[in-house]
């Protein structure tokens, strides 16, 4: 296997906890489960992007910045959902 694919494979494997969390939340917290699935898909998209970049520094930087923005943005939505639910304003 090409050595440039190890990092994308590791990144793709790191999406597994997001999918496991989504499965754990699926019954009681559908919105949170959906957000966690989106986080997992953003991480997998980042892994595909890193594989596409193939070690090119400018492409790699573009992919890393895009994934960081996507995952952190979704993380803010997760935090907002959790805080809203704690205050009792959440629906399901």
N, C-alpha and C. Protein backbone atom coordinates (compact mmCIF):
# COMPACT_ATOMS: atom_id res chain seq x y z
N UNK A 1 0.85 -1.18 0.00
CA UNK A 1 0.00 0.00 0.00
C UNK A 1 0.89 1.24 0.00
N UNK A 2 0.42 2.26 -0.69
CA UNK A 2 1.16 3.51 -0.80
C UNK A 2 1.23 4.17 0.58
N UNK A 3 2.40 4.70 0.92
CA UNK A 3 2.57 5.30 2.24
C UNK A 3 1.76 6.58 2.40
N UNK A 4 1.35 7.22 1.30
CA UNK A 4 0.56 8.44 1.42
C UNK A 4 -0.89 8.16 1.83
N UNK A 5 -1.29 6.91 1.84
CA UNK A 5 -2.67 6.58 2.21
C UNK A 5 -2.84 6.25 3.69
N UNK A 6 -1.76 6.13 4.42
CA UNK A 6 -1.88 5.80 5.84
C UNK A 6 -2.62 6.89 6.62
N UNK A 7 -2.25 8.13 6.40
CA UNK A 7 -2.90 9.23 7.13
C UNK A 7 -4.39 9.30 6.81
N UNK A 8 -4.80 9.27 5.53
CA UNK A 8 -6.25 9.27 5.27
C UNK A 8 -6.98 8.07 5.90
N UNK A 9 -6.35 6.92 5.94
CA UNK A 9 -6.98 5.76 6.58
C UNK A 9 -7.15 5.97 8.08
N UNK A 10 -6.16 6.56 8.70
CA UNK A 10 -6.24 6.85 10.14
C UNK A 10 -7.33 7.88 10.40
N UNK A 11 -7.39 8.91 9.55
CA UNK A 11 -8.44 9.93 9.71
C UNK A 11 -9.82 9.30 9.52
N UNK A 12 -9.97 8.46 8.52
CA UNK A 12 -11.26 7.80 8.30
C UNK A 12 -11.63 6.93 9.50
N UNK A 13 -10.68 6.24 10.07
CA UNK A 13 -10.96 5.40 11.24
C UNK A 13 -11.36 6.25 12.45
N UNK A 14 -10.87 7.49 12.51
CA UNK A 14 -11.23 8.36 13.64
C UNK A 14 -12.67 8.84 13.58
N UNK A 15 -13.36 8.58 12.47
CA UNK A 15 -14.78 8.95 12.39
C UNK A 15 -15.67 7.93 13.10
N UNK A 16 -15.14 6.78 13.39
CA UNK A 16 -15.93 5.72 14.03
C UNK A 16 -16.60 6.16 15.34
N UNK A 17 -15.91 6.87 16.25
CA UNK A 17 -16.59 7.31 17.48
C UNK A 17 -17.80 8.20 17.21
N UNK A 18 -17.74 9.02 16.17
CA UNK A 18 -18.89 9.88 15.87
C UNK A 18 -20.09 9.03 15.45
N UNK A 19 -19.83 8.00 14.64
CA UNK A 19 -20.93 7.13 14.21
C UNK A 19 -21.46 6.29 15.37
N UNK A 20 -20.58 5.87 16.27
CA UNK A 20 -21.04 5.12 17.45
C UNK A 20 -21.87 6.00 18.38
N UNK A 21 -21.45 7.26 18.54
CA UNK A 21 -22.24 8.19 19.35
C UNK A 21 -23.60 8.44 18.72
N UNK A 22 -23.62 8.56 17.38
CA UNK A 22 -24.89 8.76 16.69
C UNK A 22 -25.83 7.59 16.92
N UNK A 23 -25.28 6.41 16.88
CA UNK A 23 -26.11 5.22 17.12
C UNK A 23 -26.64 5.20 18.55
N UNK A 24 -25.80 5.61 19.51
CA UNK A 24 -26.22 5.62 20.91
C UNK A 24 -27.32 6.65 21.15
N UNK A 25 -27.27 7.78 20.43
CA UNK A 25 -28.26 8.84 20.61
C UNK A 25 -29.50 8.67 19.74
N UNK A 26 -29.50 7.72 18.84
CA UNK A 26 -30.54 7.63 17.81
C UNK A 26 -31.95 7.51 18.39
N UNK A 27 -32.12 6.80 19.46
CA UNK A 27 -33.46 6.57 19.99
C UNK A 27 -34.00 7.78 20.74
N UNK A 28 -33.19 8.38 21.60
CA UNK A 28 -33.69 9.44 22.47
C UNK A 28 -33.44 10.85 21.92
N UNK A 29 -32.40 11.04 21.18
CA UNK A 29 -32.00 12.38 20.74
C UNK A 29 -31.73 12.37 19.25
N UNK A 30 -32.78 12.36 18.45
CA UNK A 30 -32.64 12.22 17.00
C UNK A 30 -31.83 13.35 16.38
N UNK A 31 -32.04 14.57 16.84
CA UNK A 31 -31.30 15.71 16.28
C UNK A 31 -29.81 15.58 16.56
N UNK A 32 -29.46 15.22 17.78
CA UNK A 32 -28.06 15.04 18.13
C UNK A 32 -27.44 13.89 17.35
N UNK A 33 -28.20 12.83 17.16
CA UNK A 33 -27.71 11.69 16.37
C UNK A 33 -27.43 12.11 14.93
N UNK A 34 -28.30 12.92 14.37
CA UNK A 34 -28.09 13.41 13.00
C UNK A 34 -26.84 14.28 12.93
N UNK A 35 -26.66 15.15 13.90
CA UNK A 35 -25.46 15.99 13.91
C UNK A 35 -24.19 15.15 14.04
N UNK A 36 -24.22 14.12 14.85
CA UNK A 36 -23.04 13.26 15.00
C UNK A 36 -22.76 12.48 13.72
N UNK A 37 -23.80 12.07 13.02
CA UNK A 37 -23.59 11.42 11.71
C UNK A 37 -22.95 12.39 10.73
N UNK A 38 -23.38 13.64 10.76
CA UNK A 38 -22.79 14.65 9.88
C UNK A 38 -21.32 14.89 10.22
N UNK A 39 -20.99 14.88 11.51
CA UNK A 39 -19.59 15.01 11.92
C UNK A 39 -18.78 13.84 11.36
N UNK A 40 -19.30 12.63 11.50
CA UNK A 40 -18.61 11.46 10.95
C UNK A 40 -18.41 11.55 9.45
N UNK A 41 -19.45 12.02 8.75
CA UNK A 41 -19.32 12.14 7.29
C UNK A 41 -18.34 13.23 6.91
N UNK A 42 -18.27 14.32 7.69
CA UNK A 42 -17.29 15.37 7.42
C UNK A 42 -15.87 14.85 7.60
N UNK A 43 -15.67 14.01 8.60
CA UNK A 43 -14.34 13.43 8.82
C UNK A 43 -13.98 12.49 7.68
N UNK A 44 -14.93 11.67 7.23
CA UNK A 44 -14.66 10.78 6.11
C UNK A 44 -14.39 11.59 4.84
N UNK A 45 -15.15 12.65 4.63
CA UNK A 45 -14.88 13.52 3.47
C UNK A 45 -13.48 14.11 3.55
N UNK A 46 -13.05 14.44 4.75
CA UNK A 46 -11.68 14.93 4.93
C UNK A 46 -10.65 13.88 4.60
N UNK A 47 -10.93 12.64 4.96
CA UNK A 47 -9.99 11.55 4.64
C UNK A 47 -9.90 11.37 3.12
N UNK A 48 -11.05 11.45 2.46
CA UNK A 48 -11.04 11.34 0.99
C UNK A 48 -10.27 12.52 0.39
N UNK A 49 -10.47 13.69 0.96
CA UNK A 49 -9.75 14.87 0.48
C UNK A 49 -8.26 14.75 0.69
N UNK A 50 -7.84 14.19 1.81
CA UNK A 50 -6.40 14.00 2.04
C UNK A 50 -5.82 12.98 1.07
N UNK A 51 -6.58 11.96 0.76
CA UNK A 51 -6.11 10.98 -0.23
C UNK A 51 -5.99 11.66 -1.59
N UNK A 52 -6.95 12.52 -1.92
CA UNK A 52 -6.90 13.27 -3.18
C UNK A 52 -5.70 14.21 -3.21
N UNK A 53 -5.41 14.84 -2.07
CA UNK A 53 -4.30 15.79 -2.02
C UNK A 53 -2.97 15.10 -2.33
N UNK A 54 -2.82 13.88 -1.90
CA UNK A 54 -1.64 13.10 -2.23
C UNK A 54 -0.31 13.70 -1.80
N UNK A 55 -0.30 14.45 -0.74
CA UNK A 55 0.95 15.01 -0.25
C UNK A 55 1.26 16.41 -0.76
N UNK A 56 0.46 16.93 -1.68
CA UNK A 56 0.66 18.30 -2.17
C UNK A 56 0.33 19.27 -1.04
N UNK A 57 1.29 20.10 -0.62
CA UNK A 57 1.07 20.95 0.56
C UNK A 57 -0.12 21.91 0.45
N UNK A 58 -0.32 22.52 -0.70
CA UNK A 58 -1.42 23.48 -0.80
C UNK A 58 -2.78 22.77 -0.79
N UNK A 59 -2.88 21.62 -1.44
CA UNK A 59 -4.13 20.85 -1.40
C UNK A 59 -4.40 20.33 0.02
N UNK A 60 -3.34 19.84 0.66
CA UNK A 60 -3.50 19.33 2.02
C UNK A 60 -3.97 20.43 2.96
N UNK A 61 -3.40 21.61 2.84
CA UNK A 61 -3.81 22.73 3.69
C UNK A 61 -5.27 23.08 3.43
N UNK A 62 -5.68 23.09 2.18
CA UNK A 62 -7.07 23.39 1.84
C UNK A 62 -8.02 22.38 2.47
N UNK A 63 -7.68 21.10 2.37
CA UNK A 63 -8.53 20.05 2.94
C UNK A 63 -8.58 20.17 4.46
N UNK A 64 -7.44 20.39 5.09
CA UNK A 64 -7.39 20.48 6.55
C UNK A 64 -8.22 21.66 7.06
N UNK A 65 -8.12 22.80 6.41
CA UNK A 65 -8.89 23.97 6.82
C UNK A 65 -10.39 23.71 6.63
N UNK A 66 -10.76 23.12 5.50
CA UNK A 66 -12.18 22.84 5.24
C UNK A 66 -12.75 21.87 6.27
N UNK A 67 -12.00 20.82 6.59
CA UNK A 67 -12.48 19.84 7.57
C UNK A 67 -12.55 20.48 8.96
N UNK A 68 -11.57 21.27 9.32
CA UNK A 68 -11.58 21.93 10.62
C UNK A 68 -12.80 22.84 10.76
N UNK A 69 -13.10 23.61 9.71
CA UNK A 69 -14.28 24.47 9.75
C UNK A 69 -15.57 23.67 9.83
N UNK A 70 -15.66 22.60 9.05
CA UNK A 70 -16.88 21.79 9.04
C UNK A 70 -17.11 21.10 10.38
N UNK A 71 -16.09 20.45 10.90
CA UNK A 71 -16.24 19.70 12.15
C UNK A 71 -16.48 20.64 13.33
N UNK A 72 -15.76 21.75 13.38
CA UNK A 72 -15.96 22.69 14.48
C UNK A 72 -17.31 23.40 14.38
N UNK A 73 -17.75 23.69 13.16
CA UNK A 73 -19.07 24.28 13.00
C UNK A 73 -20.16 23.32 13.46
N UNK A 74 -20.04 22.06 13.07
CA UNK A 74 -21.00 21.06 13.54
C UNK A 74 -20.90 20.86 15.05
N UNK A 75 -19.70 20.97 15.58
CA UNK A 75 -19.51 20.88 17.02
C UNK A 75 -20.26 21.98 17.76
N UNK A 76 -20.28 23.18 17.18
CA UNK A 76 -21.04 24.26 17.78
C UNK A 76 -22.54 23.97 17.77
N UNK A 77 -23.03 23.36 16.67
CA UNK A 77 -24.44 22.97 16.63
C UNK A 77 -24.74 21.90 17.68
N UNK A 78 -23.82 20.96 17.88
CA UNK A 78 -24.01 19.94 18.92
C UNK A 78 -24.08 20.60 20.29
N UNK A 79 -23.16 21.51 20.56
CA UNK A 79 -23.15 22.22 21.85
C UNK A 79 -24.44 23.01 22.04
N UNK A 80 -24.88 23.69 21.00
CA UNK A 80 -26.12 24.45 21.07
C UNK A 80 -27.30 23.54 21.37
N UNK A 81 -27.35 22.39 20.73
CA UNK A 81 -28.43 21.44 20.95
C UNK A 81 -28.43 20.93 22.38
N UNK A 82 -27.26 20.60 22.90
CA UNK A 82 -27.15 20.10 24.27
C UNK A 82 -27.57 21.17 25.27
N UNK A 83 -27.11 22.39 25.07
CA UNK A 83 -27.47 23.47 26.00
C UNK A 83 -28.96 23.80 25.93
N UNK A 84 -29.51 23.79 24.74
CA UNK A 84 -30.93 24.06 24.57
C UNK A 84 -31.77 22.97 25.26
N UNK A 85 -31.32 21.75 25.13
CA UNK A 85 -32.03 20.64 25.76
C UNK A 85 -31.96 20.71 27.28
N UNK A 86 -30.81 21.15 27.80
CA UNK A 86 -30.68 21.26 29.26
C UNK A 86 -31.60 22.32 29.83
N UNK A 87 -31.84 23.38 29.07
CA UNK A 87 -32.73 24.44 29.54
C UNK A 87 -34.19 24.04 29.40
N UNK A 88 -34.45 22.93 28.74
CA UNK A 88 -35.84 22.47 28.61
C UNK A 88 -36.54 22.99 27.38
N UNK A 89 -35.80 23.65 26.48
CA UNK A 89 -36.42 24.19 25.28
C UNK A 89 -36.36 23.24 24.10
N UNK A 90 -35.69 22.12 24.29
CA UNK A 90 -35.51 21.19 23.18
C UNK A 90 -36.74 20.34 22.94
N UNK A 91 -36.89 19.94 21.68
CA UNK A 91 -37.99 19.05 21.29
C UNK A 91 -37.39 17.75 20.80
N UNK A 92 -37.45 16.67 21.55
CA UNK A 92 -36.97 15.37 21.08
C UNK A 92 -35.59 15.31 20.90
